[in-house]
Amino acid sequence: MSMQVSSYDLIHEDRQKGIFRVNRQALTSDDVLALERERIFKRCWLYLGHASEVRKPGDFVTRKVMRRPIIFNRDKHGELRAFYNTCPHRGAQVCRERAGSAKSFQCAYHGWTFDNDGGLRGVPGRESYPKDFNANGMYDLPEVQRMESYCDFVFVNFDAGAESLEDYLGGAKDYLQLIALQSKVGMEVISGTQEYHARANWKLLLENSADGYHALTTHATYFDYLKERDGKAAVENNKGKSVFNKPFGQVIDLGNGHTVSESDGAIPWGRPIARFRPGMGEAAREAIEEVRRQLVDRLGEERARIVAEKDFNMLVFPNLAVLNIMAVTVRTFYPLAPDKMDVRAWALGPQDEAATLRDLRMRNFVEFLGPAGFATPDDVEMLELCQEGYQCQPGADWNDLSRGMLTEHEHAAKQDEMQMRNFWRRWRQMLASDDRVSFKIAS
């Protein structure tokens, strides 16, 4: 049996009573996922990569964005490009390497060759085609409809009529700038990608990426490890209480479904940029002090303090998390099915970072956030347990995201689930952006 509902029926929000619930069909329905692909992923700006991944003319990386294979490269003129990785002849991928440098790309099927600016260079048996073949560029490599960048973060959009990236990012631009300012010579993606799948709906990882509520229970093993390694000061205040019981700071609505939770130095282990923390080792102290001096010289005392000390987790709608806490982590997650997602994560660091600090950065990135680290396996396990629990429908039909709702307001302090509510409100709006389209859910 099924019933017809709209996206508005999948969210129950009562601001007066402080209740916010999401129907679990939003996390299990094939029809919901089909609508997400059409109305969210085909219309929103999606993260493609960082400009540092393709530094020189000819450099390229290949990756998938919402199941679409894409070549992200610099052409022979040094311009950033994004091509669909498919030959206009019969459709085979023209680049099978994950990264490298190339003046041209050749399709392995019939040998058609393309310049790294996308132009068709060579066709075997050219004499068999009309003289004006490709006169209008019909057989050049197809470019993604839109590609724009901000602070070296490069995005694509499959909607040619979409608003500009800067308009879309809204308040998120300020936080991308804070990352870019960490280095005078620029930030870079550090070699290596974290790649894994999870048997859970993609939106669960978005929630998890900004959820401070689960840390003490889900990651208890990690905090025990920190206490053993760095002493009680790493996880407890002078009264013996967990430092994570204090407010993280504030949660800010950045517009268009983007949200950030931020704090000035609340995280006890911190990023290896300009403040010393237990566990970093004395060898890092001098390097950290030098970074701080350089920031002050370049930005002034107050701006340097903000760049060095402001920790934040930012969600860029729909599926980008930028975590500026232990290391600068960029994470994307795409649906493969209602109950399966593909996850990719990269570490960013200053191009001129001292070896001691780079080692600390990567230790944090791998130790806590890596697929075999302390946190990520715990998180994946919890998300998969949630997805298993959703088999209890009908009968157990709703997720609750009400924490802090009665005191929610702009720049609210420690509204632990405001980030998620902000996402879901934008999600609801986009799925019903043209009309209240109905789809089937189990009943």
Protein backbone atom coordinates (compact mmCIF):
# COMPACT_ATOMS: atom_id res chain seq x y z
CA MET A 1 0.00 0.00 0.00
CA SER A 2 1.22 3.53 -0.72
CA MET A 3 0.06 7.08 -0.27
CA GLN A 4 0.69 10.33 -2.12
CA VAL A 5 2.51 13.04 -0.16
CA SER A 6 4.52 16.18 -0.90
CA SER A 7 7.93 17.11 0.45
CA TYR A 8 6.17 19.38 2.94
CA ASP A 9 4.49 16.36 4.51
CA LEU A 10 7.86 14.77 5.25
CA ILE A 11 8.83 17.47 7.74
CA HIS A 12 6.82 18.32 10.84
CA GLU A 13 7.82 21.69 12.29
CA ASP A 14 6.08 23.42 15.17
CA ARG A 15 8.12 26.46 16.19
CA GLN A 16 5.81 27.35 19.07
CA LYS A 17 6.15 23.92 20.69
CA GLY A 18 9.79 23.54 19.69
CA ILE A 19 9.29 20.39 17.62
CA PHE A 20 11.12 19.50 14.41
CA ARG A 21 10.78 16.01 12.97
CA VAL A 22 11.72 14.41 9.65
CA ASN A 23 9.80 11.46 8.25
CA ARG A 24 12.18 8.56 7.72
CA GLN A 25 10.79 8.00 4.22
CA ALA A 26 12.96 10.98 3.26
CA LEU A 27 15.91 8.66 3.98
CA THR A 28 14.61 5.44 2.42
CA SER A 29 12.40 6.26 -0.58
CA ASP A 30 13.54 5.75 -4.18
CA ASP A 31 11.07 8.43 -5.29
CA VAL A 32 12.58 10.94 -2.87
CA LEU A 33 16.08 10.22 -4.20
CA ALA A 34 14.90 10.62 -7.80
CA LEU A 35 13.45 14.01 -6.92
CA GLU A 36 16.66 15.00 -5.11
CA ARG A 37 18.70 14.19 -8.21
CA GLU A 38 16.41 16.29 -10.38
CA ARG A 39 15.74 19.27 -8.14
CA ILE A 40 18.82 19.53 -5.94
CA PHE A 41 21.85 17.95 -7.61
CA LYS A 42 20.99 19.24 -11.09
CA ARG A 43 20.45 22.80 -9.83
CA CYS A 44 22.92 23.44 -7.00
CA TRP A 45 26.62 24.26 -7.16
CA LEU A 46 28.59 21.11 -6.37
CA TYR A 47 32.21 20.96 -5.25
CA LEU A 48 34.56 19.68 -7.98
CA GLY A 49 38.03 20.22 -6.56
CA HIS A 50 40.69 22.69 -5.48
CA ALA A 51 42.75 24.72 -7.93
CA SER A 52 45.96 23.40 -6.35
CA GLU A 53 45.17 19.93 -7.69
CA VAL A 54 45.88 21.15 -11.22
CA ARG A 55 48.73 23.62 -10.76
CA LYS A 56 50.32 23.72 -14.22
CA PRO A 57 49.00 23.81 -17.80
CA GLY A 58 48.16 20.25 -18.78
CA ASP A 59 47.56 18.98 -15.23
CA PHE A 60 44.32 17.06 -14.74
CA VAL A 61 42.36 14.96 -12.29
CA THR A 62 39.32 12.83 -13.06
CA ARG A 63 36.45 12.27 -10.66
CA LYS A 64 32.71 11.78 -10.56
CA VAL A 65 30.26 14.45 -9.50
CA MET A 66 26.81 13.00 -8.92
CA ARG A 67 27.66 9.93 -11.04
CA ARG A 68 28.94 12.06 -13.94
CA PRO A 69 32.61 11.43 -14.87
CA ILE A 70 34.45 14.75 -15.27
CA ILE A 71 37.94 15.83 -16.34
CA PHE A 72 39.08 18.77 -14.18
CA ASN A 73 42.18 20.32 -15.74
CA ARG A 74 44.21 23.34 -16.75
CA ASP A 75 44.37 23.75 -20.48
CA LYS A 76 47.44 24.81 -22.46
CA HIS A 77 46.68 28.46 -21.63
CA GLY A 78 46.51 27.77 -17.88
CA GLU A 79 42.73 28.16 -17.68
CA LEU A 80 40.69 25.89 -15.40
CA ARG A 81 38.31 23.66 -17.36
CA ALA A 82 35.71 21.01 -16.57
CA PHE A 83 34.84 18.55 -19.36
CA TYR A 84 32.48 15.64 -19.35
CA ASN A 85 34.72 12.58 -19.60
CA THR A 86 32.91 11.09 -22.57
CA CYS A 87 33.79 10.95 -26.24
CA PRO A 88 31.25 12.77 -28.45
CA HIS A 89 31.63 9.94 -30.97
CA ARG A 90 30.33 6.89 -29.09
CA GLY A 91 30.55 7.88 -25.46
CA ALA A 92 33.61 6.05 -24.12
CA GLN A 93 35.65 7.87 -21.49
CA VAL A 94 38.58 9.68 -23.09
CA CYS A 95 40.72 9.79 -19.93
CA ARG A 96 41.13 6.72 -17.75
CA GLU A 97 43.89 7.95 -15.43
CA ARG A 98 42.99 9.48 -12.09
CA ALA A 99 45.54 12.28 -12.35
CA GLY A 100 48.47 13.41 -14.45
CA SER A 101 49.51 15.90 -17.10
CA ALA A 102 48.51 15.70 -20.75
CA LYS A 103 48.59 17.88 -23.83
CA SER A 104 45.76 15.84 -25.28
CA PHE A 105 43.28 13.07 -24.50
CA GLN A 106 42.67 10.10 -26.79
CA CYS A 107 39.63 7.87 -26.76
CA ALA A 108 40.74 4.25 -26.53
CA TYR A 109 37.76 3.02 -28.53
CA HIS A 110 38.22 4.63 -31.98
CA GLY A 111 41.23 6.87 -31.40
CA TRP A 112 39.61 10.29 -31.55
CA THR A 113 42.00 12.83 -29.99
CA PHE A 114 41.24 16.07 -28.17
CA ASP A 115 43.43 18.98 -27.07
CA ASN A 116 43.46 19.77 -23.37
CA ASP A 117 41.26 22.78 -24.18
CA GLY A 118 38.64 20.32 -25.46
CA GLY A 119 39.04 20.91 -29.17
CA LEU A 120 38.88 17.92 -31.50
CA ARG A 121 42.43 17.38 -32.80
CA GLY A 122 42.39 14.15 -34.77
CA VAL A 123 39.96 11.62 -36.24
CA PRO A 124 41.27 8.39 -37.82
CA GLY A 125 39.90 8.07 -41.35
CA ARG A 126 39.14 11.78 -41.51
CA GLU A 127 38.74 11.59 -45.31
CA SER A 128 35.54 9.59 -44.83
CA TYR A 129 33.81 12.49 -43.10
CA PRO A 130 32.36 15.68 -44.66
CA LYS A 131 34.84 18.52 -45.26
CA ASP A 132 33.07 20.78 -42.76
CA PHE A 133 32.92 18.07 -40.12
CA ASN A 134 33.06 19.73 -36.65
CA ALA A 135 33.06 23.21 -38.18
CA ASN A 136 30.77 24.35 -35.36
CA GLY A 137 32.56 22.45 -32.58
CA MET A 138 29.84 19.83 -32.30
CA TYR A 139 32.44 17.09 -31.73
CA ASP A 140 34.67 18.91 -29.26
CA LEU A 141 34.76 17.54 -25.72
CA PRO A 142 31.54 18.66 -24.03
CA GLU A 143 32.07 21.13 -21.19
CA VAL A 144 30.10 21.08 -17.96
CA GLN A 145 27.38 23.72 -18.18
CA ARG A 146 28.90 25.96 -15.48
CA MET A 147 32.21 26.02 -13.61
CA GLU A 148 33.26 28.80 -11.23
CA SER A 149 35.69 29.11 -8.34
CA TYR A 150 35.99 31.06 -5.12
CA CYS A 151 39.20 31.20 -3.06
CA ASP A 152 40.48 28.29 -5.20
CA PHE A 153 37.46 26.10 -4.31
CA VAL A 154 36.07 25.03 -7.69
CA PHE A 155 32.41 24.15 -8.21
CA VAL A 156 30.29 22.98 -11.13
CA ASN A 157 26.60 23.37 -11.86
CA PHE A 158 24.60 21.31 -14.34
CA ASP A 159 22.06 24.12 -14.76
CA ALA A 160 23.26 26.66 -17.34
CA GLY A 161 20.84 29.24 -15.96
CA ALA A 162 21.89 28.95 -12.31
CA GLU A 163 22.80 31.98 -10.22
CA SER A 164 26.48 32.81 -9.87
CA LEU A 165 28.59 30.80 -7.45
CA GLU A 166 29.28 33.86 -5.30
CA ASP A 167 25.57 34.61 -4.96
CA TYR A 168 24.91 30.96 -4.15
CA LEU A 169 27.62 30.75 -1.47
CA GLY A 170 26.33 33.82 0.37
CA GLY A 171 27.84 33.97 3.86
CA ALA A 172 29.89 30.83 3.24
CA LYS A 173 32.35 33.00 1.30
CA ASP A 174 33.66 34.56 4.54
CA TYR A 175 34.71 31.16 5.89
CA LEU A 176 36.35 30.04 2.67
CA GLN A 177 38.34 33.27 2.87
CA LEU A 178 39.46 32.38 6.42
CA ILE A 179 40.91 29.17 5.04
CA ALA A 180 42.61 30.90 2.10
CA LEU A 181 44.19 33.47 4.45
CA GLN A 182 46.02 30.76 6.39
CA SER A 183 48.87 30.97 3.86
CA LYS A 184 50.46 33.87 2.03
CA VAL A 185 51.38 31.67 -0.93
CA GLY A 186 48.13 29.69 -1.02
CA MET A 187 46.57 26.52 0.30
CA GLU A 188 46.95 23.13 -1.34
CA VAL A 189 45.25 19.76 -1.35
CA ILE A 190 47.72 17.38 0.24
CA SER A 191 48.35 14.27 -1.82
CA GLY A 192 45.97 11.45 -1.02
CA THR A 193 42.20 11.04 -0.94
CA GLN A 194 40.01 9.30 1.60
CA GLU A 195 37.44 7.20 -0.27
CA TYR A 196 34.82 4.92 1.21
CA HIS A 197 31.18 3.90 0.99
CA ALA A 198 28.60 3.78 3.75
CA ARG A 199 25.37 1.81 3.76
CA ALA A 200 23.31 4.81 4.76
CA ASN A 201 21.48 7.73 3.23
CA TRP A 202 23.75 10.61 2.17
CA LYS A 203 21.90 13.16 4.29
CA LEU A 204 22.85 11.30 7.46
CA LEU A 205 26.52 12.11 6.92
CA LEU A 206 25.68 15.76 6.34
CA GLU A 207 23.92 15.79 9.72
CA ASN A 208 26.78 13.91 11.35
CA SER A 209 29.39 16.35 10.01
CA ALA A 210 27.88 19.16 12.07
CA ASP A 211 26.57 17.21 15.06
CA GLY A 212 28.43 17.88 18.29
CA TYR A 213 25.80 16.05 20.34
CA HIS A 214 27.15 12.57 19.54
CA ALA A 215 30.85 13.18 20.27
CA LEU A 216 31.10 12.09 23.92
CA THR A 217 29.22 8.83 23.43
CA THR A 218 30.14 7.77 19.89
CA HIS A 219 33.81 8.77 20.18
CA ALA A 220 34.45 7.88 23.83
CA THR A 221 37.41 5.70 22.82
CA TYR A 222 39.13 8.64 21.16
CA PHE A 223 38.78 10.85 24.23
CA ASP A 224 40.17 8.09 26.41
CA TYR A 225 43.12 7.91 24.01
CA LEU A 226 43.66 11.69 24.17
CA LYS A 227 43.60 11.62 27.95
CA GLU A 228 46.17 8.82 27.98
CA ARG A 229 48.39 10.52 25.39
CA ASP A 230 48.17 14.18 26.40
CA GLY A 231 46.86 14.12 29.97
CA LYS A 232 43.53 15.15 31.41
CA ALA A 233 43.97 18.75 30.25
CA ALA A 234 43.31 17.56 26.72
CA VAL A 235 39.70 16.61 27.48
CA GLU A 236 38.85 17.98 30.94
CA ASN A 237 38.81 21.40 32.57
CA ASN A 238 40.22 22.10 36.03
CA LYS A 239 36.96 20.88 37.60
CA GLY A 240 37.22 17.48 35.97
CA LYS A 241 34.39 18.10 33.53
CA SER A 242 34.61 17.39 29.83
CA VAL A 243 35.59 20.42 27.78
CA PHE A 244 32.94 19.32 25.30
CA ASN A 245 30.18 20.14 27.78
CA LYS A 246 30.89 23.85 27.20
CA PRO A 247 29.10 25.60 24.32
CA PHE A 248 30.98 25.20 21.07
CA GLY A 249 30.23 28.81 20.25
CA GLN A 250 27.53 29.90 17.87
CA VAL A 251 25.62 28.57 14.90
CA ILE A 252 25.06 30.96 12.00
CA ASP A 253 22.65 30.71 9.10
CA LEU A 254 24.73 31.62 6.02
CA GLY A 255 21.82 31.61 3.55
CA ASN A 256 20.72 29.14 0.85
CA GLY A 257 20.80 26.23 3.29
CA HIS A 258 24.45 26.79 4.31
CA THR A 259 25.27 26.83 8.02
CA VAL A 260 28.35 27.13 10.18
CA SER A 261 29.05 26.28 13.81
CA GLU A 262 32.06 28.19 15.06
CA SER A 263 34.17 28.79 18.14
CA ASP A 264 37.29 30.70 19.07
CA GLY A 265 39.68 28.01 20.26
CA ALA A 266 37.21 25.73 22.06
CA ILE A 267 38.62 22.54 20.57
CA PRO A 268 41.35 21.34 22.96
CA TRP A 269 43.79 19.85 20.43
CA GLY A 270 43.37 22.52 17.76
CA ARG A 271 44.75 22.97 14.25
CA PRO A 272 48.53 23.13 13.72
CA ILE A 273 48.49 26.72 12.50
CA ALA A 274 49.13 29.29 15.19
CA ARG A 275 48.42 27.99 18.66
CA PHE A 276 50.17 25.31 20.67
CA ARG A 277 48.20 22.46 22.21
CA PRO A 278 49.05 19.42 24.33
CA GLY A 279 50.15 16.50 22.23
CA MET A 280 51.79 18.58 19.51
CA GLY A 281 55.23 18.22 21.02
CA GLU A 282 57.80 20.88 21.85
CA ALA A 283 59.33 20.65 18.37
CA ALA A 284 56.18 22.23 16.99
CA ARG A 285 56.15 25.20 19.37
CA GLU A 286 58.74 27.27 17.52
CA ALA A 287 57.14 26.60 14.13
CA ILE A 288 53.73 27.59 15.48
CA GLU A 289 55.09 30.81 16.97
CA GLU A 290 56.67 31.67 13.61
CA VAL A 291 53.35 31.09 11.82
CA ARG A 292 51.67 33.43 14.27
CA ARG A 293 54.29 36.14 13.70
CA GLN A 294 53.84 35.89 9.95
CA LEU A 295 50.04 36.10 10.25
CA VAL A 296 50.26 39.21 12.41
CA ASP A 297 52.71 40.87 10.02
CA ARG A 298 50.45 40.12 7.07
CA LEU A 299 46.97 40.58 8.53
CA GLY A 300 47.31 42.58 11.74
CA GLU A 301 46.77 41.30 15.28
CA GLU A 302 42.97 40.92 15.27
CA ARG A 303 42.61 39.40 11.81
CA ALA A 304 45.50 37.05 12.52
CA ARG A 305 43.81 35.93 15.73
CA ILE A 306 40.60 35.11 13.85
CA VAL A 307 42.41 33.17 11.12
CA ALA A 308 44.47 31.26 13.68
CA GLU A 309 41.89 30.58 16.35
CA LYS A 310 38.44 30.38 14.81
CA ASP A 311 37.43 26.74 14.62
CA PHE A 312 34.39 25.92 12.52
CA ASN A 313 32.36 23.22 10.85
CA MET A 314 30.60 24.54 7.75
CA LEU A 315 27.94 22.84 5.67
CA VAL A 316 27.54 24.10 2.12
CA PHE A 317 24.23 22.88 0.74
CA PRO A 318 23.69 20.25 -0.41
CA ASN A 319 26.66 17.95 0.19
CA LEU A 320 29.90 19.75 1.09
CA ALA A 321 31.37 19.84 4.59
CA VAL A 322 34.38 22.06 5.31
CA LEU A 323 35.82 21.17 8.71
CA ASN A 324 38.33 23.71 10.00
CA ILE A 325 39.10 22.09 13.33
CA MET A 326 41.80 19.42 13.65
CA ALA A 327 42.96 19.78 10.06
CA VAL A 328 41.24 21.57 7.21
CA THR A 329 39.10 18.77 5.81
CA VAL A 330 36.94 19.00 2.68
CA ARG A 331 34.34 16.23 2.46
CA THR A 332 31.69 15.40 -0.12
CA PHE A 333 29.09 12.64 -0.13
CA TYR A 334 26.87 11.54 -3.00
CA PRO A 335 23.92 9.14 -3.03
CA LEU A 336 24.34 5.83 -4.84
CA ALA A 337 20.99 4.55 -3.58
CA PRO A 338 18.59 5.61 -0.81
CA ASP A 339 20.65 3.48 1.59
CA LYS A 340 24.15 3.88 0.16
CA MET A 341 26.55 6.80 -0.31
CA ASP A 342 29.95 7.48 -1.78
CA VAL A 343 32.28 9.60 0.39
CA ARG A 344 35.40 11.54 -0.60
CA ALA A 345 37.59 13.67 1.68
CA TRP A 346 40.75 15.70 1.24
CA ALA A 347 43.10 17.57 3.58
CA LEU A 348 44.11 21.17 2.87
CA GLY A 349 47.24 22.83 4.19
CA PRO A 350 49.45 25.86 3.50
CA GLN A 351 51.77 25.31 0.55
CA ASP A 352 54.68 26.65 2.58
CA GLU A 353 53.90 24.71 5.77
CA ALA A 354 56.83 23.57 7.92
CA ALA A 355 57.42 19.82 7.92
CA THR A 356 56.71 19.56 11.65
CA LEU A 357 53.30 21.18 11.26
CA ARG A 358 52.48 19.22 8.12
CA ASP A 359 53.14 16.02 10.03
CA LEU A 360 50.79 17.15 12.81
CA ARG A 361 48.13 18.14 10.31
CA MET A 362 48.19 14.78 8.56
CA ARG A 363 48.30 12.91 11.84
CA ASN A 364 45.08 14.64 12.85
CA PHE A 365 43.52 14.09 9.43
CA VAL A 366 44.25 10.36 9.40
CA GLU A 367 44.10 9.61 13.11
CA PHE A 368 40.64 11.05 13.75
CA LEU A 369 38.92 11.53 10.39
CA GLY A 370 40.44 8.76 8.29
CA PRO A 371 38.42 5.69 7.24
CA ALA A 372 40.55 3.65 9.65
CA GLY A 373 40.87 6.39 12.27
CA PHE A 374 39.19 6.81 15.62
CA ALA A 375 36.11 8.74 14.50
CA THR A 376 35.07 7.80 10.98
CA PRO A 377 34.50 4.06 11.60
CA ASP A 378 32.42 4.98 14.65
CA ASP A 379 30.37 7.45 12.63
CA VAL A 380 29.83 5.04 9.74
CA GLU A 381 28.72 2.35 12.15
CA MET A 382 26.19 4.69 13.76
CA LEU A 383 24.80 5.88 10.41
CA GLU A 384 24.42 2.31 9.20
CA LEU A 385 22.67 1.40 12.44
CA CYS A 386 20.27 4.28 11.83
CA GLN A 387 19.58 3.05 8.30
CA GLU A 388 18.88 -0.42 9.65
CA GLY A 389 16.50 1.11 12.17
CA TYR A 390 14.52 2.73 9.38
CA GLN A 391 13.29 -0.73 8.38
CA CYS A 392 10.87 -0.34 11.29
CA GLN A 393 8.49 1.60 9.06
CA PRO A 394 5.59 1.94 9.26
CA GLY A 395 5.33 2.12 13.00
CA ALA A 396 8.49 4.07 13.85
CA ASP A 397 8.36 6.86 11.29
CA TRP A 398 10.11 10.01 12.51
CA ASN A 399 13.58 11.36 13.33
CA ASP A 400 13.75 14.17 15.88
CA LEU A 401 15.87 17.31 15.37
CA SER A 402 14.28 19.51 18.04
CA ARG A 403 17.28 20.18 20.29
CA GLY A 404 17.64 23.91 20.92
CA MET A 405 14.72 24.87 18.73
CA LEU A 406 12.87 26.96 21.32
CA THR A 407 15.86 29.28 21.65
CA GLU A 408 16.84 29.19 17.99
CA HIS A 409 17.63 32.55 16.45
CA GLU A 410 20.27 34.04 14.20
CA HIS A 411 23.79 33.63 15.65
CA ALA A 412 22.32 31.32 18.29
CA ALA A 413 24.70 29.88 20.88
CA LYS A 414 25.18 26.11 20.72
CA GLN A 415 22.00 25.24 18.89
CA ASP A 416 23.27 21.73 18.29
CA GLU A 417 20.64 20.79 15.72
CA MET A 418 19.99 24.14 14.09
CA GLN A 419 22.52 23.19 11.41
CA MET A 420 20.44 20.15 10.47
CA ARG A 421 17.15 21.99 10.63
CA ASN A 422 18.54 24.67 8.35
CA PHE A 423 19.51 22.00 5.80
CA TRP A 424 16.14 20.30 5.95
CA ARG A 425 14.24 23.56 5.47
CA ARG A 426 16.21 24.28 2.32
CA TRP A 427 15.77 20.66 1.20
CA ARG A 428 12.00 20.94 1.63
CA GLN A 429 11.95 24.19 -0.30
CA MET A 430 13.97 22.86 -3.24
CA LEU A 431 12.03 19.64 -3.63
CA ALA A 432 8.84 21.68 -3.91
CA SER A 433 10.43 24.58 -5.79
CA ASP A 434 8.15 24.42 -8.83
CA ASP A 435 5.03 22.87 -7.33
CA ARG A 436 4.02 20.52 -4.57
CA VAL A 437 5.00 17.42 -6.50
CA SER A 438 3.70 14.25 -4.92
CA PHE A 439 5.44 10.89 -4.77
CA LYS A 440 4.72 7.52 -3.24
CA ILE A 441 5.86 6.43 0.17
CA ALA A 442 5.02 3.28 2.10
CA SER A 443 2.14 3.43 4.53
